[in-house]
C-alpha cells in the first residue's frame, strides 16, 4: 500500500484500502428503474455497472475496449488498409473476369 496517501486521521488510508479491494475483487451494481402509469409500464431502464481493475476485467472476459474502434488506437489505420485490400481484390477479380471473357469484361478472343 502507498504510504504517501495515508493521512494522520486514518481516513485516507481507509479509502485507499477500500479502493484497492474494490479494484482487486470488483464491484457490481445492478438495478432496474420502471416508470408506470395506472399499472401500465411505460419505460424500463436496466442499469448494470461493474467497477474493477483492467486486469480483473480481462480475467472475466470484459475486454471490449480492445475491439472498439473509437477507443483502440490504430483501428482507423487497419480499417483504411482493409478498404484498400478490398479495392485491390475487386480490381483483380475484374481483370480475371476480363481474361476469361466473362460478360462485363473485355475478354480476348482465342481464335
PDB file of N, CA and C in Angstrom:
ATOM      1  N   UNK A   1       0.840  -1.175   0.000  1.00  0.00           N
ATOM      2  CA  UNK A   1       0.000   0.000   0.000  1.00  0.00           C
ATOM      3  C   UNK A   1       0.883   1.235   0.000  1.00  0.00           C
ATOM      4  N   UNK A   2       0.418   2.288  -0.628  1.00  0.00           N
ATOM      5  CA  UNK A   2       1.192   3.525  -0.696  1.00  0.00           C
ATOM      6  C   UNK A   2       1.069   4.285   0.622  1.00  0.00           C
ATOM      7  N   UNK A   3       2.191   4.646   1.197  1.00  0.00           N
ATOM      8  CA  UNK A   3       2.171   5.359   2.468  1.00  0.00           C
ATOM      9  C   UNK A   3       2.018   6.864   2.281  1.00  0.00           C
ATOM     10  N   UNK A   4       2.298   7.371   1.080  1.00  0.00           N
ATOM     11  CA  UNK A   4       2.191   8.811   0.866  1.00  0.00           C
ATOM     12  C   UNK A   4       0.746   9.281   0.836  1.00  0.00           C
ATOM     13  N   UNK A   5      -0.228   8.361   0.755  1.00  0.00           N
ATOM     14  CA  UNK A   5      -1.633   8.732   0.737  1.00  0.00           C
ATOM     15  C   UNK A   5      -2.272   8.631   2.113  1.00  0.00           C
ATOM     16  N   UNK A   6      -1.531   8.163   3.077  1.00  0.00           N
ATOM     17  CA  UNK A   6      -2.100   7.981   4.405  1.00  0.00           C
ATOM     18  C   UNK A   6      -2.168   9.310   5.145  1.00  0.00           C
ATOM     19  N   UNK A   7      -3.318   9.585   5.684  1.00  0.00           N
ATOM     20  CA  UNK A   7      -3.488  10.794   6.479  1.00  0.00           C
ATOM     21  C   UNK A   7      -3.300  10.443   7.949  1.00  0.00           C
ATOM     22  N   UNK A   8      -3.150  11.460   8.753  1.00  0.00           N
ATOM     23  CA  UNK A   8      -2.923  11.211  10.173  1.00  0.00           C
ATOM     24  C   UNK A   8      -4.168  10.664  10.858  1.00  0.00           C
ATOM     25  N   UNK A   9      -5.338  10.982  10.357  1.00  0.00           N
ATOM     26  CA  UNK A   9      -6.561  10.504  10.997  1.00  0.00           C
ATOM     27  C   UNK A   9      -6.991   9.126  10.494  1.00  0.00           C
ATOM     28  N   UNK A  10      -6.302   8.566   9.504  1.00  0.00           N
ATOM     29  CA  UNK A  10      -6.610   7.220   9.023  1.00  0.00           C
ATOM     30  C   UNK A  10      -7.706   7.147   7.985  1.00  0.00           C
ATOM     31  N   UNK A  11      -8.369   8.252   7.686  1.00  0.00           N
ATOM     32  CA  UNK A  11      -9.472   8.218   6.720  1.00  0.00           C
ATOM     33  C   UNK A  11      -8.966   7.971   5.309  1.00  0.00           C
ATOM     34  N   UNK A  12      -7.873   8.611   4.916  1.00  0.00           N
ATOM     35  CA  UNK A  12      -7.339   8.397   3.572  1.00  0.00           C
ATOM     36  C   UNK A  12      -6.848   6.970   3.427  1.00  0.00           C
ATOM     37  N   UNK A  13      -6.263   6.431   4.474  1.00  0.00           N
ATOM     38  CA  UNK A  13      -5.800   5.051   4.440  1.00  0.00           C
ATOM     39  C   UNK A  13      -6.973   4.101   4.256  1.00  0.00           C
ATOM     40  N   UNK A  14      -8.069   4.361   4.923  1.00  0.00           N
ATOM     41  CA  UNK A  14      -9.259   3.528   4.780  1.00  0.00           C
ATOM     42  C   UNK A  14      -9.826   3.594   3.378  1.00  0.00           C
ATOM     43  N   UNK A  15      -9.811   4.785   2.801  1.00  0.00           N
ATOM     44  CA  UNK A  15     -10.303   4.955   1.440  1.00  0.00           C
ATOM     45  C   UNK A  15      -9.422   4.206   0.448  1.00  0.00           C
ATOM     46  N   UNK A  16      -8.110   4.285   0.647  1.00  0.00           N
ATOM     47  CA  UNK A  16      -7.185   3.565  -0.224  1.00  0.00           C
ATOM     48  C   UNK A  16      -7.413   2.065  -0.107  1.00  0.00           C
ATOM     49  N   UNK A  17      -7.640   1.576   1.107  1.00  0.00           N
ATOM     50  CA  UNK A  17      -7.909   0.148   1.304  1.00  0.00           C
ATOM     51  C   UNK A  17      -9.189  -0.271   0.596  1.00  0.00           C
ATOM     52  N   UNK A  18     -10.216   0.550   0.706  1.00  0.00           N
ATOM     53  CA  UNK A  18     -11.491   0.230   0.053  1.00  0.00           C
ATOM     54  C   UNK A  18     -11.320   0.224  -1.463  1.00  0.00           C
ATOM     55  N   UNK A  19     -10.670   1.234  -2.008  1.00  0.00           N
ATOM     56  CA  UNK A  19     -10.452   1.277  -3.458  1.00  0.00           C
ATOM     57  C   UNK A  19      -9.603   0.109  -3.929  1.00  0.00           C
ATOM     58  N   UNK A  20      -8.586  -0.224  -3.166  1.00  0.00           N
ATOM     59  CA  UNK A  20      -7.735  -1.354  -3.523  1.00  0.00           C
ATOM     60  C   UNK A  20      -8.540  -2.652  -3.552  1.00  0.00           C
ATOM     61  N   UNK A  21      -9.386  -2.834  -2.570  1.00  0.00           N
ATOM     62  CA  UNK A  21     -10.205  -4.054  -2.509  1.00  0.00           C
ATOM     63  C   UNK A  21     -11.236  -4.096  -3.634  1.00  0.00           C
ATOM     64  N   UNK A  22     -11.873  -2.945  -3.920  1.00  0.00           N
ATOM     65  CA  UNK A  22     -12.874  -2.893  -4.992  1.00  0.00           C
ATOM     66  C   UNK A  22     -12.227  -3.187  -6.334  1.00  0.00           C
ATOM     67  N   UNK A  23     -11.081  -2.561  -6.598  1.00  0.00           N
ATOM     68  CA  UNK A  23     -10.430  -2.775  -7.879  1.00  0.00           C
ATOM     69  C   UNK A  23      -9.875  -4.184  -7.999  1.00  0.00           C
ATOM     70  N   UNK A  24      -9.468  -4.777  -6.898  1.00  0.00           N
ATOM     71  CA  UNK A  24      -8.928  -6.130  -6.936  1.00  0.00           C
ATOM     72  C   UNK A  24     -10.034  -7.165  -7.111  1.00  0.00           C
ATOM     73  N   UNK A  25     -11.087  -7.055  -6.338  1.00  0.00           N
ATOM     74  CA  UNK A  25     -12.166  -8.048  -6.365  1.00  0.00           C
ATOM     75  C   UNK A  25     -13.267  -7.685  -7.347  1.00  0.00           C
ATOM     76  N   UNK A  26     -13.540  -6.392  -7.486  1.00  0.00           N
ATOM     77  CA  UNK A  26     -14.614  -5.945  -8.360  1.00  0.00           C
ATOM     78  C   UNK A  26     -15.859  -5.598  -7.572  1.00  0.00           C
ATOM     79  N   UNK A  27     -16.696  -4.796  -8.168  1.00  0.00           N
ATOM     80  CA  UNK A  27     -17.938  -4.372  -7.548  1.00  0.00           C
ATOM     81  C   UNK A  27     -18.997  -4.336  -8.636  1.00  0.00           C
ATOM     82  N   UNK A  28     -20.130  -4.946  -8.382  1.00  0.00           N
ATOM     83  CA  UNK A  28     -21.215  -4.973  -9.361  1.00  0.00           C
ATOM     84  C   UNK A  28     -22.420  -4.263  -8.755  1.00  0.00           C
ATOM     85  N   UNK A  29     -22.962  -3.324  -9.513  1.00  0.00           N
ATOM     86  CA  UNK A  29     -24.180  -2.639  -9.117  1.00  0.00           C
ATOM     87  C   UNK A  29     -25.202  -2.923 -10.207  1.00  0.00           C
ATOM     88  N   UNK A  30     -26.332  -3.478  -9.823  1.00  0.00           N
ATOM     89  CA  UNK A  30     -27.369  -3.817 -10.799  1.00  0.00           C
ATOM     90  C   UNK A  30     -28.700  -3.285 -10.296  1.00  0.00           C
ATOM     91  N   UNK A  31     -29.477  -2.767 -11.206  1.00  0.00           N
ATOM     92  CA  UNK A  31     -30.780  -2.262 -10.802  1.00  0.00           C
ATOM     93  C   UNK A  31     -31.676  -2.004 -11.995  1.00  0.00           C
ATOM     94  N   UNK A  32     -32.951  -1.910 -11.726  1.00  0.00           N
ATOM     95  CA  UNK A  32     -33.946  -1.619 -12.752  1.00  0.00           C
ATOM     96  C   UNK A  32     -34.752  -0.415 -12.304  1.00  0.00           C
ATOM     97  N   UNK A  33     -35.042   0.461 -13.234  1.00  0.00           N
ATOM     98  CA  UNK A  33     -35.923   1.596 -12.978  1.00  0.00           C
ATOM     99  C   UNK A  33     -37.125   1.414 -13.891  1.00  0.00           C
ATOM    100  N   UNK A  34     -38.300   1.337 -13.291  1.00  0.00           N
ATOM    101  CA  UNK A  34     -39.516   1.159 -14.089  1.00  0.00           C
ATOM    102  C   UNK A  34     -40.440   2.333 -13.827  1.00  0.00           C
ATOM    103  N   UNK A  35     -40.949   2.897 -14.900  1.00  0.00           N
ATOM    104  CA  UNK A  35     -41.895   4.005 -14.810  1.00  0.00           C
ATOM    105  C   UNK A  35     -43.233   3.498 -15.328  1.00  0.00           C
ATOM    106  N   UNK A  36     -44.235   3.584 -14.480  1.00  0.00           N
ATOM    107  CA  UNK A  36     -45.559   3.081 -14.835  1.00  0.00           C
ATOM    108  C   UNK A  36     -46.603   4.158 -14.580  1.00  0.00           C
ATOM    109  N   UNK A  37     -47.675   4.079 -15.332  1.00  0.00           N
ATOM    110  CA  UNK A  37     -48.802   4.973 -15.152  1.00  0.00           C
ATOM    111  C   UNK A  37     -50.056   4.115 -15.183  1.00  0.00           C
ATOM    112  N   UNK A  38     -50.818   4.146 -14.130  1.00  0.00           N
ATOM    113  CA  UNK A  38     -52.041   3.340 -13.997  1.00  0.00           C
ATOM    114  C   UNK A  38     -51.737   1.863 -14.255  1.00  0.00           C
ATOM    115  N   UNK A  39     -50.666   1.384 -13.643  1.00  0.00           N
ATOM    116  CA  UNK A  39     -50.214  -0.001 -13.739  1.00  0.00           C
ATOM    117  C   UNK A  39     -49.855  -0.426 -15.162  1.00  0.00           C
ATOM    118  N   UNK A  40     -49.560   0.539 -16.027  1.00  0.00           N
ATOM    119  CA  UNK A  40     -49.086   0.259 -17.377  1.00  0.00           C
ATOM    120  C   UNK A  40     -47.628   0.704 -17.426  1.00  0.00           C
ATOM    121  N   UNK A  41     -46.768  -0.244 -17.691  1.00  0.00           N
ATOM    122  CA  UNK A  41     -45.344   0.069 -17.719  1.00  0.00           C
ATOM    123  C   UNK A  41     -45.017   0.885 -18.964  1.00  0.00           C
ATOM    124  N   UNK A  42     -44.491   2.076 -18.751  1.00  0.00           N
ATOM    125  CA  UNK A  42     -44.159   2.962 -19.853  1.00  0.00           C
ATOM    126  C   UNK A  42     -42.689   2.886 -20.237  1.00  0.00           C
ATOM    127  N   UNK A  43     -41.821   2.698 -19.254  1.00  0.00           N
ATOM    128  CA  UNK A  43     -40.391   2.750 -19.508  1.00  0.00           C
ATOM    129  C   UNK A  43     -39.658   1.876 -18.499  1.00  0.00           C
ATOM    130  N   UNK A  44     -38.710   1.115 -18.998  1.00  0.00           N
ATOM    131  CA  UNK A  44     -37.845   0.325 -18.136  1.00  0.00           C
ATOM    132  C   UNK A  44     -36.405   0.628 -18.488  1.00  0.00           C
ATOM    133  N   UNK A  45     -35.633   0.969 -17.499  1.00  0.00           N
ATOM    134  CA  UNK A  45     -34.202   1.218 -17.680  1.00  0.00           C
ATOM    135  C   UNK A  45     -33.456   0.214 -16.823  1.00  0.00           C
ATOM    136  N   UNK A  46     -32.611  -0.569 -17.467  1.00  0.00           N
ATOM    137  CA  UNK A  46     -31.802  -1.550 -16.743  1.00  0.00           C
ATOM    138  C   UNK A  46     -30.392  -0.998 -16.619  1.00  0.00           C
ATOM    139  N   UNK A  47     -29.900  -0.963 -15.409  1.00  0.00           N
ATOM    140  CA  UNK A  47     -28.578  -0.426 -15.140  1.00  0.00           C
ATOM    141  C   UNK A  47     -27.693  -1.546 -14.613  1.00  0.00           C
ATOM    142  N   UNK A  48     -26.575  -1.744 -15.277  1.00  0.00           N
ATOM    143  CA  UNK A  48     -25.576  -2.721 -14.837  1.00  0.00           C
ATOM    144  C   UNK A  48     -24.238  -2.005 -14.826  1.00  0.00           C
ATOM    145  N   UNK A  49     -23.587  -1.971 -13.697  1.00  0.00           N
ATOM    146  CA  UNK A  49     -22.322  -1.267 -13.562  1.00  0.00           C
ATOM    147  C   UNK A  49     -21.313  -2.191 -12.900  1.00  0.00           C
ATOM    148  N   UNK A  50     -20.170  -2.326 -13.521  1.00  0.00           N
ATOM    149  CA  UNK A  50     -19.091  -3.132 -12.962  1.00  0.00           C
ATOM    150  C   UNK A  50     -17.891  -2.221 -12.767  1.00  0.00           C
ATOM    151  N   UNK A  51     -17.377  -2.192 -11.561  1.00  0.00           N
ATOM    152  CA  UNK A  51     -16.189  -1.412 -11.252  1.00  0.00           C
ATOM    153  C   UNK A  51     -15.105  -2.392 -10.838  1.00  0.00           C
ATOM    154  N   UNK A  52     -14.033  -2.434 -11.635  1.00  0.00           N
ATOM    155  CA  UNK A  52     -12.912  -3.317 -11.314  1.00  0.00           C
ATOM    156  C   UNK A  52     -11.682  -2.843 -12.068  1.00  0.00           C
ATOM    157  N   UNK A  53     -10.563  -3.446 -11.770  1.00  0.00           N
ATOM    158  CA  UNK A  53      -9.332  -3.088 -12.471  1.00  0.00           C
ATOM    159  C   UNK A  53      -9.352  -3.681 -13.879  1.00  0.00           C
ATOM    160  N   UNK A  54      -8.480  -3.178 -14.729  1.00  0.00           N
ATOM    161  CA  UNK A  54      -8.395  -3.690 -16.092  1.00  0.00           C
ATOM    162  C   UNK A  54      -7.967  -5.157 -16.079  1.00  0.00           C
ATOM    163  N   UNK A  55      -7.047  -5.499 -15.201  1.00  0.00           N
ATOM    164  CA  UNK A  55      -6.602  -6.892 -15.099  1.00  0.00           C
ATOM    165  C   UNK A  55      -7.761  -7.809 -14.747  1.00  0.00           C
ATOM    166  N   UNK A  56      -8.574  -7.402 -13.781  1.00  0.00           N
ATOM    167  CA  UNK A  56      -9.723  -8.212 -13.362  1.00  0.00           C
ATOM    168  C   UNK A  56     -10.745  -8.298 -14.494  1.00  0.00           C
ATOM    169  N   UNK A  57     -10.965  -7.201 -15.205  1.00  0.00           N
ATOM    170  CA  UNK A  57     -11.919  -7.207 -16.319  1.00  0.00           C
ATOM    171  C   UNK A  57     -11.472  -8.185 -17.396  1.00  0.00           C
ATOM    172  N   UNK A  58     -10.176  -8.201 -17.695  1.00  0.00           N
ATOM    173  CA  UNK A  58      -9.664  -9.144 -18.690  1.00  0.00           C
ATOM    174  C   UNK A  58      -9.806 -10.583 -18.199  1.00  0.00           C
ATOM    175  N   UNK A  59      -9.624 -10.805 -16.903  1.00  0.00           N
ATOM    176  CA  UNK A  59      -9.777 -12.157 -16.347  1.00  0.00           C
ATOM    177  C   UNK A  59     -11.187 -12.692 -16.542  1.00  0.00           C
ATOM    178  N   UNK A  60     -12.180 -11.817 -16.402  1.00  0.00           N
ATOM    179  CA  UNK A  60     -13.563 -12.279 -16.512  1.00  0.00           C
ATOM    180  C   UNK A  60     -14.129 -12.100 -17.917  1.00  0.00           C
ATOM    181  N   UNK A  61     -13.268 -11.700 -18.873  1.00  0.00           N
ATOM    182  CA  UNK A  61     -13.680 -11.644 -20.267  1.00  0.00           C
ATOM    183  C   UNK A  61     -14.324 -10.350 -20.705  1.00  0.00           C
ATOM    184  N   UNK A  62     -14.143  -9.289 -19.951  1.00  0.00           N
ATOM    185  CA  UNK A  62     -14.697  -7.993 -20.326  1.00  0.00           C
ATOM    186  C   UNK A  62     -13.597  -7.118 -20.899  1.00  0.00           C
ATOM    187  N   UNK A  63     -13.181  -7.415 -22.117  1.00  0.00           N
ATOM    188  CA  UNK A  63     -12.128  -6.623 -22.755  1.00  0.00           C
ATOM    189  C   UNK A  63     -12.626  -5.988 -24.049  1.00  0.00           C
ATOM    190  N   UNK A  64     -13.839  -5.448 -23.997  1.00  0.00           N
ATOM    191  CA  UNK A  64     -14.458  -4.861 -25.181  1.00  0.00           C
ATOM    192  C   UNK A  64     -13.688  -3.653 -25.693  1.00  0.00           C
ATOM    193  N   UNK A  65     -12.971  -2.959 -24.847  1.00  0.00           N
ATOM    194  CA  UNK A  65     -12.238  -1.766 -25.281  1.00  0.00           C
ATOM    195  C   UNK A  65     -11.131  -2.092 -26.269  1.00  0.00           C
ATOM    196  N   UNK A  66     -10.672  -3.350 -26.286  1.00  0.00           N
ATOM    197  CA  UNK A  66      -9.636  -3.746 -27.234  1.00  0.00           C
ATOM    198  C   UNK A  66     -10.154  -3.752 -28.670  1.00  0.00           C
ATOM    199  N   UNK A  67     -11.451  -3.962 -28.835  1.00  0.00           N
ATOM    200  CA  UNK A  67     -12.029  -4.129 -30.165  1.00  0.00           C
ATOM    201  C   UNK A  67     -12.897  -2.948 -30.578  1.00  0.00           C
ATOM    202  N   UNK A  68     -13.013  -1.939 -29.746  1.00  0.00           N
ATOM    203  CA  UNK A  68     -13.803  -0.759 -30.062  1.00  0.00           C
ATOM    204  C   UNK A  68     -12.950   0.193 -30.892  1.00  0.00           C
ATOM    205  N   UNK A  69     -13.384   0.487 -32.103  1.00  0.00           N
ATOM    206  CA  UNK A  69     -12.580   1.321 -33.000  1.00  0.00           C
ATOM    207  C   UNK A  69     -12.430   2.750 -32.489  1.00  0.00           C
ATOM    208  N   UNK A  70     -13.327   3.184 -31.621  1.00  0.00           N
ATOM    209  CA  UNK A  70     -13.229   4.537 -31.084  1.00  0.00           C
ATOM    210  C   UNK A  70     -12.237   4.620 -29.933  1.00  0.00           C
ATOM    211  N   UNK A  71     -11.944   3.498 -29.299  1.00  0.00           N
ATOM    212  CA  UNK A  71     -11.057   3.504 -28.138  1.00  0.00           C
ATOM    213  C   UNK A  71      -9.678   2.941 -28.426  1.00  0.00           C
ATOM    214  N   UNK A  72      -9.590   2.002 -29.358  1.00  0.00           N
ATOM    215  CA  UNK A  72      -8.308   1.343 -29.623  1.00  0.00           C
ATOM    216  C   UNK A  72      -7.515   2.135 -30.656  1.00  0.00           C
ATOM    217  N   UNK A  73      -6.318   2.594 -30.298  1.00  0.00           N
ATOM    218  CA  UNK A  73      -5.516   3.321 -31.279  1.00  0.00           C
ATOM    219  C   UNK A  73      -5.060   2.399 -32.404  1.00  0.00           C
ATOM    220  N   UNK A  74      -5.003   2.936 -33.600  1.00  0.00           N
ATOM    221  CA  UNK A  74      -4.561   2.152 -34.747  1.00  0.00           C
ATOM    222  C   UNK A  74      -5.685   1.456 -35.478  1.00  0.00           C
ATOM    223  N   UNK A  75      -6.886   1.490 -34.947  1.00  0.00           N
ATOM    224  CA  UNK A  75      -8.011   0.838 -35.622  1.00  0.00           C
ATOM    225  C   UNK A  75      -8.354   1.535 -36.930  1.00  0.00           C
ATOM    226  N   UNK A  76      -8.214   2.849 -36.970  1.00  0.00           N
ATOM    227  CA  UNK A  76      -8.508   3.577 -38.211  1.00  0.00           C
ATOM    228  C   UNK A  76      -7.538   3.151 -39.304  1.00  0.00           C
ATOM    229  N   UNK A  77      -6.290   2.960 -38.943  1.00  0.00           N
ATOM    230  CA  UNK A  77      -5.282   2.535 -39.922  1.00  0.00           C
ATOM    231  C   UNK A  77      -5.652   1.162 -40.474  1.00  0.00           C
ATOM    232  N   UNK A  78      -6.099   0.275 -39.607  1.00  0.00           N
ATOM    233  CA  UNK A  78      -6.485  -1.064 -40.054  1.00  0.00           C
ATOM    234  C   UNK A  78      -7.718  -1.014 -40.955  1.00  0.00           C
ATOM    235  N   UNK A  79      -8.656  -0.146 -40.638  1.00  0.00           N
ATOM    236  CA  UNK A  79      -9.850  -0.021 -41.473  1.00  0.00           C
ATOM    237  C   UNK A  79      -9.490   0.516 -42.859  1.00  0.00           C
ATOM    238  N   UNK A  80      -8.586   1.488 -42.912  1.00  0.00           N
ATOM    239  CA  UNK A  80      -8.150   2.031 -44.205  1.00  0.00           C
ATOM    240  C   UNK A  80      -7.426   0.965 -45.011  1.00  0.00           C
ATOM    241  N   UNK A  81      -6.558   0.218 -44.336  1.00  0.00           N
ATOM    242  CA  UNK A  81      -5.835  -0.858 -45.025  1.00  0.00           C
ATOM    243  C   UNK A  81      -6.806  -1.930 -45.526  1.00  0.00           C
ATOM    244  N   UNK A  82      -7.819  -2.232 -44.735  1.00  0.00           N
ATOM    245  CA  UNK A  82      -8.826  -3.220 -45.122  1.00  0.00           C
ATOM    246  C   UNK A  82      -9.578  -2.759 -46.368  1.00  0.00           C
ATOM    247  N   UNK A  83      -9.964  -1.480 -46.408  1.00  0.00           N
ATOM    248  CA  UNK A  83     -10.661  -0.950 -47.579  1.00  0.00           C
ATOM    249  C   UNK A  83      -9.776  -1.002 -48.824  1.00  0.00           C
ATOM    250  N   UNK A  84      -8.491  -0.688 -48.676  1.00  0.00           N
ATOM    251  CA  UNK A  84      -7.564  -0.727 -49.812  1.00  0.00           C
ATOM    252  C   UNK A  84      -7.420  -2.157 -50.336  1.00  0.00           C
ATOM    253  N   UNK A  85      -7.349  -3.113 -49.431  1.00  0.00           N
ATOM    254  CA  UNK A  85      -7.240  -4.512 -49.854  1.00  0.00           C
ATOM    255  C   UNK A  85      -8.503  -4.986 -50.564  1.00  0.00           C
ATOM    256  N   UNK A  86      -9.662  -4.574 -50.082  1.00  0.00           N
ATOM    257  CA  UNK A  86     -10.916  -4.931 -50.742  1.00  0.00           C
ATOM    258  C   UNK A  86     -10.977  -4.339 -52.155  1.00  0.00           C
ATOM    259  N   UNK A  87     -10.515  -3.103 -52.295  1.00  0.00           N
ATOM    260  CA  UNK A  87     -10.496  -2.463 -53.606  1.00  0.00           C
ATOM    261  C   UNK A  87      -9.556  -3.204 -54.552  1.00  0.00           C
ATOM    262  N   UNK A  88      -8.414  -3.620 -54.033  1.00  0.00           N
ATOM    263  CA  UNK A  88      -7.449  -4.371 -54.856  1.00  0.00           C
ATOM    264  C   UNK A  88      -8.027  -5.722 -55.272  1.00  0.00           C
ATOM    265  N   UNK A  89      -8.749  -6.379 -54.387  1.00  0.00           N
ATOM    266  CA  UNK A  89      -9.370  -7.671 -54.715  1.00  0.00           C
ATOM    267  C   UNK A  89     -10.416  -7.487 -55.808  1.00  0.00           C
ATOM    268  N   UNK A  90     -11.242  -6.442 -55.704  1.00  0.00           N
ATOM    269  CA  UNK A  90     -12.246  -6.183 -56.748  1.00  0.00           C
ATOM    270  C   UNK A  90     -11.582  -5.936 -58.095  1.00  0.00           C
ATOM    271  N   UNK A  91     -10.480  -5.194 -58.081  1.00  0.00           N
ATOM    272  CA  UNK A  91      -9.751  -4.919 -59.312  1.00  0.00           C
ATOM    273  C   UNK A  91      -9.198  -6.209 -59.926  1.00  0.00           C
ATOM    274  N   UNK A  92      -8.628  -7.062 -59.087  1.00  0.00           N
ATOM    275  CA  UNK A  92      -8.089  -8.331 -59.584  1.00  0.00           C
ATOM    276  C   UNK A  92      -9.198  -9.247 -60.100  1.00  0.00           C
ATOM    277  N   UNK A  93     -10.345  -9.256 -59.429  1.00  0.00           N
ATOM    278  CA  UNK A  93     -11.473 -10.067 -59.899  1.00  0.00           C
ATOM    279  C   UNK A  93     -11.949  -9.597 -61.263  1.00  0.00           C
ATOM    280  N   UNK A  94     -11.979  -8.281 -61.489  1.00  0.00           N
ATOM    281  CA  UNK A  94     -12.380  -7.743 -62.796  1.00  0.00           C
ATOM    282  C   UNK A  94     -11.381  -8.153 -63.874  1.00  0.00           C
ATOM    283  N   UNK A  95     -10.097  -8.103 -63.539  1.00  0.00           N
ATOM    284  CA  UNK A  95      -9.073  -8.487 -64.515  1.00  0.00           C
ATOM    285  C   UNK A  95      -9.177  -9.969 -64.874  1.00  0.00           C
ATOM    286  N   UNK A  96      -9.433 -10.817 -63.888  1.00  0.00           N
ATOM    287  CA  UNK A  96      -9.587 -12.253 -64.153  1.00  0.00           C
ATOM    288  C   UNK A  96     -10.823 -12.490 -65.000  1.00  0.00           C
ATOM    289  N   UNK A  97     -11.904 -11.800 -64.676  1.00  0.00           N
ATOM    290  CA  UNK A  97     -13.130 -11.946 -65.467  1.00  0.00           C
ATOM    291  C   UNK A  97     -12.905 -11.490 -66.897  1.00  0.00           C
ATOM    292  N   UNK A  98     -12.153 -10.421 -67.087  1.00  0.00           N
ATOM    293  CA  UNK A  98     -11.877  -9.911 -68.437  1.00  0.00           C
ATOM    294  C   UNK A  98     -11.036 -10.913 -69.226  1.00  0.00           C
ATOM    295  N   UNK A  99     -10.082 -11.539 -68.610  1.00  0.00           N
ATOM    296  CA  UNK A  99      -9.237 -12.529 -69.303  1.00  0.00           C
ATOM    297  C   UNK A  99     -10.010 -13.781 -69.671  1.00  0.00           C
ATOM    298  N   UNK A 100     -10.992 -14.138 -68.871  1.00  0.00           N
ATOM    299  CA  UNK A 100     -11.780 -15.334 -69.140  1.00  0.00           C
ATOM    300  C   UNK A 100     -12.931 -15.057 -70.095  1.00  0.00           C
ATOM    301  N   UNK A 101     -13.112 -13.808 -70.510  1.00  0.00           N
ATOM    302  CA  UNK A 101     -14.151 -13.455 -71.468  1.00  0.00           C
ATOM    303  C   UNK A 101     -15.544 -13.480 -70.884  1.00  0.00           C
ATOM    304  N   UNK A 102     -15.656 -13.260 -69.609  1.00  0.00           N
ATOM    305  CA  UNK A 102     -16.978 -13.245 -68.985  1.00  0.00           C
ATOM    306  C   UNK A 102     -17.678 -11.933 -69.300  1.00  0.00           C
ATOM    307  N   UNK A 103     -19.013 -11.931 -69.227  1.00  0.00           N
ATOM    308  CA  UNK A 103     -19.773 -10.701 -69.515  1.00  0.00           C
ATOM    309  C   UNK A 103     -19.293  -9.566 -68.635  1.00  0.00           C
ATOM    310  N   UNK A 104     -19.199  -8.405 -69.234  1.00  0.00           N
ATOM    311  CA  UNK A 104     -18.761  -7.236 -68.499  1.00  0.00           C
ATOM    312  C   UNK A 104     -17.267  -7.030 -68.604  1.00  0.00           C
ATOM    313  N   UNK A 105     -16.549  -8.028 -69.123  1.00  0.00           N
ATOM    314  CA  UNK A 105     -15.107  -7.917 -69.273  1.00  0.00           C
ATOM    315  C   UNK A 105     -14.745  -7.621 -70.699  1.00  0.00           C
ATOM    316  N   UNK A 106     -13.477  -7.308 -70.959  1.00  0.00           N
ATOM    317  CA  UNK A 106     -13.011  -7.016 -72.315  1.00  0.00           C
ATOM    318  C   UNK A 106     -12.293  -8.230 -72.868  1.00  0.00           C
ATOM    319  N   UNK A 107     -12.775  -9.398 -72.650  1.00  0.00           N
ATOM    320  CA  UNK A 107     -12.083 -10.634 -72.974  1.00  0.00           C
ATOM    321  C   UNK A 107     -11.438 -10.681 -74.349  1.00  0.00           C
ATOM    322  N   UNK A 108     -10.278 -11.338 -74.431  1.00  0.00           N
ATOM    323  CA  UNK A 108      -9.592 -11.511 -75.707  1.00  0.00           C
ATOM    324  C   UNK A 108     -10.199 -12.685 -76.455  1.00  0.00           C
ATOM    325  N   UNK A 109     -10.223 -12.587 -77.730  1.00  0.00           N
ATOM    326  CA  UNK A 109     -10.717 -13.722 -78.494  1.00  0.00           C
ATOM    327  C   UNK A 109      -9.585 -14.731 -78.621  1.00  0.00           C
ATOM    328  N   UNK A 110      -9.931 -15.998 -78.532  1.00  0.00           N
ATOM    329  CA  UNK A 110      -8.934 -17.053 -78.585  1.00  0.00           C
ATOM    330  C   UNK A 110      -8.837 -17.666 -79.967  1.00  0.00           C
ATOM    331  N   UNK A 111      -9.514 -17.122 -80.973  1.00  0.00           N
ATOM    332  CA  UNK A 111      -9.487 -17.679 -82.312  1.00  0.00           C
ATOM    333  C   UNK A 111      -8.381 -17.141 -83.136  1.00  0.00           C
TER     334      UNK A 111
END
